[in-house]
Protein backbone atom coordinates (compact mmCIF):
# COMPACT_ATOMS: atom_id res chain seq x y z
CA UNK A 1 10.46 4.10 -41.66
CA UNK A 2 14.10 3.78 -42.54
CA UNK A 3 15.60 0.22 -42.55
CA UNK A 4 17.15 -0.90 -39.25
CA UNK A 5 19.93 -3.42 -39.08
CA UNK A 6 19.71 -6.77 -36.98
CA UNK A 7 22.09 -5.08 -34.26
CA UNK A 8 19.78 -2.10 -33.95
CA UNK A 9 16.74 -4.29 -33.39
CA UNK A 10 18.71 -6.33 -30.98
CA UNK A 11 19.76 -3.16 -28.90
CA UNK A 12 16.08 -2.18 -28.89
CA UNK A 13 15.19 -5.51 -27.50
CA UNK A 14 17.83 -5.18 -24.76
CA UNK A 15 16.76 -1.85 -23.70
CA UNK A 16 13.00 -2.86 -23.65
CA UNK A 17 14.06 -5.99 -21.54
CA UNK A 18 16.00 -3.71 -18.91
CA UNK A 19 13.10 -1.35 -18.82
CA UNK A 20 10.72 -3.99 -18.22
CA UNK A 21 12.94 -5.37 -15.57
CA UNK A 22 13.22 -2.03 -13.75
CA UNK A 23 9.20 -1.75 -13.94
CA UNK A 24 8.84 -5.24 -12.56
CA UNK A 25 11.48 -4.45 -9.67
CA UNK A 26 9.57 -1.26 -8.84
CA UNK A 27 6.28 -2.92 -8.68
CA UNK A 28 7.77 -5.46 -6.48
CA UNK A 29 9.18 -3.07 -4.26
CA UNK A 30 5.83 -1.11 -3.99
CA UNK A 31 3.80 -4.01 -3.47
CA UNK A 32 5.76 -5.84 -0.90
CA UNK A 33 3.57 -6.74 2.17
CA UNK A 34 5.97 -5.08 4.74
CA UNK A 35 5.89 -1.74 2.67
CA UNK A 36 2.12 -1.70 2.24
CA UNK A 37 1.89 -2.61 6.08
CA UNK A 38 4.10 0.22 7.06
CA UNK A 39 2.36 2.91 4.77
CA UNK A 40 -0.92 1.88 6.02
CA UNK A 41 0.02 2.15 9.52
CA UNK A 42 1.73 5.76 8.83
CA UNK A 43 -1.61 6.76 7.16
CA UNK A 44 -3.64 5.63 10.04
CA UNK A 45 -1.46 7.42 12.51
CA UNK A 46 -1.64 10.73 10.69
CA UNK A 47 -5.41 10.35 10.48
CA UNK A 48 -5.78 9.67 14.12
CA UNK A 49 -4.17 12.96 14.91
CA UNK A 50 -6.86 14.90 13.03
CA UNK A 51 -10.14 16.02 15.01
CA UNK A 52 -12.18 13.58 12.72
CA UNK A 53 -9.90 10.83 13.40
CA UNK A 54 -10.06 11.22 17.19
CA UNK A 55 -13.74 11.43 17.00
CA UNK A 56 -13.83 8.13 14.99
CA UNK A 57 -11.41 6.58 17.84
CA UNK A 58 -13.75 7.78 20.52
CA UNK A 59 -16.80 6.54 18.86
CA UNK A 60 -15.38 3.06 18.34
CA UNK A 61 -13.86 2.92 21.76
CA UNK A 62 -17.43 3.85 23.14
CA UNK A 63 -19.11 1.11 21.09
CA UNK A 64 -16.35 -1.59 22.14
CA UNK A 65 -17.17 -0.54 25.88
CA UNK A 66 -20.98 -1.23 25.37
CA UNK A 67 -20.42 -4.38 23.75
CA UNK A 68 -18.01 -5.65 26.39
CA UNK A 69 -20.45 -4.50 29.18
CA UNK A 70 -23.28 -6.06 27.47
CA UNK A 71 -21.30 -9.39 27.15
CA UNK A 72 -20.14 -9.40 30.84
CA UNK A 73 -23.51 -8.90 32.14
CA UNK A 74 -25.01 -11.75 30.20
CA UNK A 75 -22.63 -14.03 32.28
């Protein structure tokens, strides 16, 4: 490996810091609670449009109805 000058090493350090800062900024952007919630909502909407998703929703609704009816009957 050829000898490097102090200026070259300093330049590499500056470039590495800039790359690290961009990476940290991108991670912060991707993991912000608002964005995660937005992606989750969109994913659930897309899944709810499929036949399997509609079946899950229908099953959950039926289960909720049974639970509510049983609860009100006990009163």
